[in-house]
Amino acid sequence: MLVDQCHSFMHQFSLQYGAFDFILDQIEYSEPVFLECNPAGEFSFLDDLLDNRPSSLLGKLLVEFALDQR
């Protein structure tokens, strides 16, 4: 399963976060083709579209994670 492969990739490279890029062949609807994993992926363009909710949610998740690690 693709999710398991992404988790394995992140574990192998000791990543806590990764923005994965894939492409799909729209003619054959084949398996996703891996392009890259960016450990500092950009998502800030979504803030403009979604009233800053992505950054706010990510910040909350990071705080919760940090508090759980104590």
PDB file of N, CA and C in Angstrom:
ATOM      1  N   MET A   1       0.839  -1.173   0.000  1.00  0.00           N
ATOM      2  CA  MET A   1       0.000   0.000   0.000  1.00  0.00           C
ATOM      3  C   MET A   1       0.894   1.251   0.000  1.00  0.00           C
ATOM      4  N   LEU A   2       0.457   2.276  -0.692  1.00  0.00           N
ATOM      5  CA  LEU A   2       1.259   3.489  -0.860  1.00  0.00           C
ATOM      6  C   LEU A   2       1.590   4.159   0.472  1.00  0.00           C
ATOM      7  N   VAL A   3       0.642   4.198   1.375  1.00  0.00           N
ATOM      8  CA  VAL A   3       0.883   4.827   2.679  1.00  0.00           C
ATOM      9  C   VAL A   3       2.016   4.114   3.410  1.00  0.00           C
ATOM     10  N   ASP A   4       1.996   2.794   3.379  1.00  0.00           N
ATOM     11  CA  ASP A   4       3.062   2.028   4.032  1.00  0.00           C
ATOM     12  C   ASP A   4       4.418   2.296   3.392  1.00  0.00           C
ATOM     13  N   GLN A   5       4.445   2.441   2.084  1.00  0.00           N
ATOM     14  CA  GLN A   5       5.692   2.736   1.383  1.00  0.00           C
ATOM     15  C   GLN A   5       6.207   4.114   1.766  1.00  0.00           C
ATOM     16  N   CYS A   6       5.308   5.077   1.926  1.00  0.00           N
ATOM     17  CA  CYS A   6       5.720   6.424   2.346  1.00  0.00           C
ATOM     18  C   CYS A   6       6.274   6.393   3.768  1.00  0.00           C
ATOM     19  N   HIS A   7       5.607   5.660   4.649  1.00  0.00           N
ATOM     20  CA  HIS A   7       6.104   5.542   6.031  1.00  0.00           C
ATOM     21  C   HIS A   7       7.476   4.872   6.064  1.00  0.00           C
ATOM     22  N   SER A   8       7.654   3.847   5.247  1.00  0.00           N
ATOM     23  CA  SER A   8       8.945   3.163   5.183  1.00  0.00           C
ATOM     24  C   SER A   8      10.034   4.109   4.694  1.00  0.00           C
ATOM     25  N   PHE A   9       9.725   4.894   3.674  1.00  0.00           N
ATOM     26  CA  PHE A   9      10.669   5.880   3.135  1.00  0.00           C
ATOM     27  C   PHE A   9      11.067   6.866   4.228  1.00  0.00           C
ATOM     28  N   MET A  10      10.072   7.384   4.942  1.00  0.00           N
ATOM     29  CA  MET A  10      10.355   8.365   5.984  1.00  0.00           C
ATOM     30  C   MET A  10      11.190   7.756   7.103  1.00  0.00           C
ATOM     31  N   HIS A  11      10.901   6.521   7.473  1.00  0.00           N
ATOM     32  CA  HIS A  11      11.685   5.846   8.505  1.00  0.00           C
ATOM     33  C   HIS A  11      13.127   5.632   8.052  1.00  0.00           C
ATOM     34  N   GLN A  12      13.278   5.202   6.796  1.00  0.00           N
ATOM     35  CA  GLN A  12      14.616   4.930   6.267  1.00  0.00           C
ATOM     36  C   GLN A  12      15.492   6.179   6.261  1.00  0.00           C
ATOM     37  N   PHE A  13      14.886   7.332   6.023  1.00  0.00           N
ATOM     38  CA  PHE A  13      15.647   8.580   5.966  1.00  0.00           C
ATOM     39  C   PHE A  13      15.482   9.424   7.237  1.00  0.00           C
ATOM     40  N   SER A  14      14.934   8.819   8.292  1.00  0.00           N
ATOM     41  CA  SER A  14      14.763   9.482   9.595  1.00  0.00           C
ATOM     42  C   SER A  14      14.018  10.809   9.485  1.00  0.00           C
ATOM     43  N   LEU A  15      12.934  10.822   8.726  1.00  0.00           N
ATOM     44  CA  LEU A  15      12.133  12.027   8.545  1.00  0.00           C
ATOM     45  C   LEU A  15      10.937  12.009   9.482  1.00  0.00           C
ATOM     46  N   GLN A  16      10.646  13.163  10.078  1.00  0.00           N
ATOM     47  CA  GLN A  16       9.438  13.322  10.884  1.00  0.00           C
ATOM     48  C   GLN A  16       8.290  13.843  10.028  1.00  0.00           C
ATOM     49  N   TYR A  17       8.636  14.503   8.915  1.00  0.00           N
ATOM     50  CA  TYR A  17       7.649  15.083   8.011  1.00  0.00           C
ATOM     51  C   TYR A  17       8.186  14.960   6.600  1.00  0.00           C
ATOM     52  N   GLY A  18       7.306  14.753   5.658  1.00  0.00           N
ATOM     53  CA  GLY A  18       7.706  14.724   4.256  1.00  0.00           C
ATOM     54  C   GLY A  18       6.528  15.037   3.359  1.00  0.00           C
ATOM     55  N   ALA A  19       6.737  15.912   2.394  1.00  0.00           N
ATOM     56  CA  ALA A  19       5.711  16.231   1.396  1.00  0.00           C
ATOM     57  C   ALA A  19       6.043  15.424   0.147  1.00  0.00           C
ATOM     58  N   PHE A  20       5.231  14.422  -0.125  1.00  0.00           N
ATOM     59  CA  PHE A  20       5.474  13.523  -1.249  1.00  0.00           C
ATOM     60  C   PHE A  20       4.794  14.045  -2.498  1.00  0.00           C
ATOM     61  N   ASP A  21       5.505  13.948  -3.607  1.00  0.00           N
ATOM     62  CA  ASP A  21       4.947  14.318  -4.906  1.00  0.00           C
ATOM     63  C   ASP A  21       4.874  13.085  -5.788  1.00  0.00           C
ATOM     64  N   PHE A  22       3.705  12.886  -6.385  1.00  0.00           N
ATOM     65  CA  PHE A  22       3.464  11.766  -7.288  1.00  0.00           C
ATOM     66  C   PHE A  22       2.775  12.282  -8.542  1.00  0.00           C
ATOM     67  N   ILE A  23       2.847  11.516  -9.610  1.00  0.00           N
ATOM     68  CA  ILE A  23       2.045  11.793 -10.795  1.00  0.00           C
ATOM     69  C   ILE A  23       1.249  10.537 -11.117  1.00  0.00           C
ATOM     70  N   LEU A  24       0.133  10.745 -11.795  1.00  0.00           N
ATOM     71  CA  LEU A  24      -0.697   9.638 -12.263  1.00  0.00           C
ATOM     72  C   LEU A  24      -0.827   9.732 -13.773  1.00  0.00           C
ATOM     73  N   ASP A  25      -0.760   8.606 -14.425  1.00  0.00           N
ATOM     74  CA  ASP A  25      -0.998   8.551 -15.858  1.00  0.00           C
ATOM     75  C   ASP A  25      -2.505   8.580 -16.069  1.00  0.00           C
ATOM     76  N   GLN A  26      -3.022   9.695 -16.559  1.00  0.00           N
ATOM     77  CA  GLN A  26      -4.468   9.852 -16.685  1.00  0.00           C
ATOM     78  C   GLN A  26      -5.063   8.994 -17.805  1.00  0.00           C
ATOM     79  N   ILE A  27      -4.229   8.478 -18.670  1.00  0.00           N
ATOM     80  CA  ILE A  27      -4.739   7.636 -19.754  1.00  0.00           C
ATOM     81  C   ILE A  27      -4.897   6.197 -19.271  1.00  0.00           C
ATOM     82  N   GLU A  28      -3.879   5.674 -18.607  1.00  0.00           N
ATOM     83  CA  GLU A  28      -3.891   4.279 -18.174  1.00  0.00           C
ATOM     84  C   GLU A  28      -4.329   4.104 -16.724  1.00  0.00           C
ATOM     85  N   TYR A  29      -4.405   5.196 -15.945  1.00  0.00           N
ATOM     86  CA  TYR A  29      -4.735   5.125 -14.529  1.00  0.00           C
ATOM     87  C   TYR A  29      -3.883   4.075 -13.813  1.00  0.00           C
ATOM     88  N   SER A  30      -2.610   4.173 -14.065  1.00  0.00           N
ATOM     89  CA  SER A  30      -1.656   3.227 -13.482  1.00  0.00           C
ATOM     90  C   SER A  30      -1.321   3.619 -12.046  1.00  0.00           C
ATOM     91  N   GLU A  31      -0.400   2.880 -11.472  1.00  0.00           N
ATOM     92  CA  GLU A  31       0.069   3.181 -10.123  1.00  0.00           C
ATOM     93  C   GLU A  31       0.695   4.576 -10.097  1.00  0.00           C
ATOM     94  N   PRO A  32       0.619   5.262  -8.943  1.00  0.00           N
ATOM     95  CA  PRO A  32       1.288   6.556  -8.824  1.00  0.00           C
ATOM     96  C   PRO A  32       2.787   6.404  -9.039  1.00  0.00           C
ATOM     97  N   VAL A  33       3.378   7.402  -9.672  1.00  0.00           N
ATOM     98  CA  VAL A  33       4.819   7.423  -9.912  1.00  0.00           C
ATOM     99  C   VAL A  33       5.442   8.428  -8.948  1.00  0.00           C
ATOM    100  N   PHE A  34       6.368   7.948  -8.122  1.00  0.00           N
ATOM    101  CA  PHE A  34       7.041   8.786  -7.130  1.00  0.00           C
ATOM    102  C   PHE A  34       7.947   9.785  -7.828  1.00  0.00           C
ATOM    103  N   LEU A  35       7.840  11.061  -7.449  1.00  0.00           N
ATOM    104  CA  LEU A  35       8.724  12.091  -7.980  1.00  0.00           C
ATOM    105  C   LEU A  35       9.755  12.513  -6.936  1.00  0.00           C
ATOM    106  N   GLU A  36       9.283  12.858  -5.735  1.00  0.00           N
ATOM    107  CA  GLU A  36      10.195  13.312  -4.696  1.00  0.00           C
ATOM    108  C   GLU A  36       9.499  13.334  -3.344  1.00  0.00           C
ATOM    109  N   CYS A  37      10.316  13.410  -2.318  1.00  0.00           N
ATOM    110  CA  CYS A  37       9.827  13.665  -0.963  1.00  0.00           C
ATOM    111  C   CYS A  37      10.599  14.869  -0.451  1.00  0.00           C
ATOM    112  N   ASN A  38       9.887  15.930  -0.181  1.00  0.00           N
ATOM    113  CA  ASN A  38      10.508  17.158   0.290  1.00  0.00           C
ATOM    114  C   ASN A  38      10.319  17.247   1.801  1.00  0.00           C
ATOM    115  N   PRO A  39      11.408  17.182   2.579  1.00  0.00           N
ATOM    116  CA  PRO A  39      11.283  17.213   4.039  1.00  0.00           C
ATOM    117  C   PRO A  39      10.876  18.582   4.585  1.00  0.00           C
ATOM    118  N   ALA A  40      10.816  19.578   3.736  1.00  0.00           N
ATOM    119  CA  ALA A  40      10.360  20.907   4.154  1.00  0.00           C
ATOM    120  C   ALA A  40       9.336  21.414   3.137  1.00  0.00           C
ATOM    121  N   GLY A  41       8.370  20.573   2.840  1.00  0.00           N
ATOM    122  CA  GLY A  41       7.403  20.852   1.774  1.00  0.00           C
ATOM    123  C   GLY A  41       6.625  22.146   1.965  1.00  0.00           C
ATOM    124  N   GLU A  42       6.296  22.755   0.875  1.00  0.00           N
ATOM    125  CA  GLU A  42       5.550  24.009   0.873  1.00  0.00           C
ATOM    126  C   GLU A  42       4.057  23.722   0.846  1.00  0.00           C
ATOM    127  N   PHE A  43       3.363  24.339   1.724  1.00  0.00           N
ATOM    128  CA  PHE A  43       1.919  24.255   1.719  1.00  0.00           C
ATOM    129  C   PHE A  43       1.309  25.625   1.976  1.00  0.00           C
ATOM    130  N   SER A  44       2.160  26.643   2.070  1.00  0.00           N
ATOM    131  CA  SER A  44       1.684  27.972   2.453  1.00  0.00           C
ATOM    132  C   SER A  44       0.693  28.557   1.447  1.00  0.00           C
ATOM    133  N   PHE A  45       0.733  28.106   0.188  1.00  0.00           N
ATOM    134  CA  PHE A  45      -0.219  28.616  -0.787  1.00  0.00           C
ATOM    135  C   PHE A  45      -1.650  28.243  -0.388  1.00  0.00           C
ATOM    136  N   LEU A  46      -1.791  27.162   0.388  1.00  0.00           N
ATOM    137  CA  LEU A  46      -3.123  26.765   0.837  1.00  0.00           C
ATOM    138  C   LEU A  46      -3.691  27.735   1.859  1.00  0.00           C
ATOM    139  N   ASP A  47      -2.818  28.387   2.617  1.00  0.00           N
ATOM    140  CA  ASP A  47      -3.297  29.353   3.601  1.00  0.00           C
ATOM    141  C   ASP A  47      -4.109  30.462   2.948  1.00  0.00           C
ATOM    142  N   ASP A  48      -3.655  30.920   1.793  1.00  0.00           N
ATOM    143  CA  ASP A  48      -4.385  31.975   1.085  1.00  0.00           C
ATOM    144  C   ASP A  48      -5.763  31.486   0.644  1.00  0.00           C
ATOM    145  N   LEU A  49      -5.830  30.234   0.250  1.00  0.00           N
ATOM    146  CA  LEU A  49      -7.095  29.682  -0.241  1.00  0.00           C
ATOM    147  C   LEU A  49      -8.046  29.278   0.883  1.00  0.00           C
ATOM    148  N   LEU A  50      -7.485  28.930   2.045  1.00  0.00           N
ATOM    149  CA  LEU A  50      -8.295  28.353   3.123  1.00  0.00           C
ATOM    150  C   LEU A  50      -8.241  29.160   4.413  1.00  0.00           C
ATOM    151  N   ASP A  51      -8.081  30.462   4.292  1.00  0.00           N
ATOM    152  CA  ASP A  51      -8.154  31.369   5.432  1.00  0.00           C
ATOM    153  C   ASP A  51      -7.201  30.985   6.566  1.00  0.00           C
ATOM    154  N   ASN A  52      -5.968  30.627   6.221  1.00  0.00           N
ATOM    155  CA  ASN A  52      -4.900  30.308   7.179  1.00  0.00           C
ATOM    156  C   ASN A  52      -5.147  29.068   8.033  1.00  0.00           C
ATOM    157  N   ARG A  53      -6.129  28.249   7.698  1.00  0.00           N
ATOM    158  CA  ARG A  53      -6.414  27.064   8.507  1.00  0.00           C
ATOM    159  C   ARG A  53      -5.304  26.016   8.465  1.00  0.00           C
ATOM    160  N   PRO A  54      -4.669  25.740   7.311  1.00  0.00           N
ATOM    161  CA  PRO A  54      -3.609  24.712   7.322  1.00  0.00           C
ATOM    162  C   PRO A  54      -2.478  25.028   8.297  1.00  0.00           C
ATOM    163  N   SER A  55      -1.985  26.247   8.287  1.00  0.00           N
ATOM    164  CA  SER A  55      -0.884  26.605   9.198  1.00  0.00           C
ATOM    165  C   SER A  55      -1.329  26.545  10.648  1.00  0.00           C
ATOM    166  N   SER A  56      -2.539  26.986  10.916  1.00  0.00           N
ATOM    167  CA  SER A  56      -3.057  26.947  12.279  1.00  0.00           C
ATOM    168  C   SER A  56      -3.172  25.508  12.778  1.00  0.00           C
ATOM    169  N   LEU A  57      -3.707  24.619  11.945  1.00  0.00           N
ATOM    170  CA  LEU A  57      -3.840  23.217  12.343  1.00  0.00           C
ATOM    171  C   LEU A  57      -2.481  22.551  12.520  1.00  0.00           C
ATOM    172  N   LEU A  58      -1.546  22.840  11.620  1.00  0.00           N
ATOM    173  CA  LEU A  58      -0.212  22.262  11.743  1.00  0.00           C
ATOM    174  C   LEU A  58       0.460  22.742  13.028  1.00  0.00           C
ATOM    175  N   GLY A  59       0.312  24.006  13.333  1.00  0.00           N
ATOM    176  CA  GLY A  59       0.881  24.532  14.568  1.00  0.00           C
ATOM    177  C   GLY A  59       0.320  23.831  15.796  1.00  0.00           C
ATOM    178  N   LYS A  60      -0.981  23.612  15.809  1.00  0.00           N
ATOM    179  CA  LYS A  60      -1.611  22.911  16.933  1.00  0.00           C
ATOM    180  C   LYS A  60      -1.088  21.483  17.047  1.00  0.00           C
ATOM    181  N   LEU A  61      -0.951  20.796  15.909  1.00  0.00           N
ATOM    182  CA  LEU A  61      -0.431  19.432  15.925  1.00  0.00           C
ATOM    183  C   LEU A  61       1.000  19.377  16.454  1.00  0.00           C
ATOM    184  N   LEU A  62       1.823  20.334  16.056  1.00  0.00           N
ATOM    185  CA  LEU A  62       3.211  20.365  16.511  1.00  0.00           C
ATOM    186  C   LEU A  62       3.292  20.619  18.017  1.00  0.00           C
ATOM    187  N   VAL A  63       2.441  21.500  18.517  1.00  0.00           N
ATOM    188  CA  VAL A  63       2.423  21.758  19.956  1.00  0.00           C
ATOM    189  C   VAL A  63       1.980  20.509  20.707  1.00  0.00           C
ATOM    190  N   GLU A  64       0.929  19.849  20.227  1.00  0.00           N
ATOM    191  CA  GLU A  64       0.466  18.618  20.871  1.00  0.00           C
ATOM    192  C   GLU A  64       1.559  17.554  20.861  1.00  0.00           C
ATOM    193  N   PHE A  65       2.263  17.425  19.746  1.00  0.00           N
ATOM    194  CA  PHE A  65       3.349  16.442  19.646  1.00  0.00           C
ATOM    195  C   PHE A  65       4.441  16.768  20.644  1.00  0.00           C
ATOM    196  N   ALA A  66       4.827  18.034  20.723  1.00  0.00           N
ATOM    197  CA  ALA A  66       5.884  18.442  21.643  1.00  0.00           C
ATOM    198  C   ALA A  66       5.486  18.159  23.088  1.00  0.00           C
ATOM    199  N   LEU A  67       4.242  18.442  23.427  1.00  0.00           N
ATOM    200  CA  LEU A  67       3.783  18.189  24.792  1.00  0.00           C
ATOM    201  C   LEU A  67       3.733  16.697  25.105  1.00  0.00           C
ATOM    202  N   ASP A  68       3.393  15.879  24.124  1.00  0.00           N
ATOM    203  CA  ASP A  68       3.365  14.428  24.314  1.00  0.00           C
ATOM    204  C   ASP A  68       4.758  13.840  24.493  1.00  0.00           C
ATOM    205  N   GLN A  69       5.799  14.528  23.996  1.00  0.00           N
ATOM    206  CA  GLN A  69       7.168  14.026  24.065  1.00  0.00           C
ATOM    207  C   GLN A  69       7.824  14.310  25.400  1.00  0.00           C
ATOM    208  N   ARG A  70       7.178  15.073  26.243  1.00  0.00           N
ATOM    209  CA  ARG A  70       7.754  15.423  27.554  1.00  0.00           C
ATOM    210  C   ARG A  70       7.890  14.226  28.431  1.00  0.00           C
TER     211      ARG A  70
END
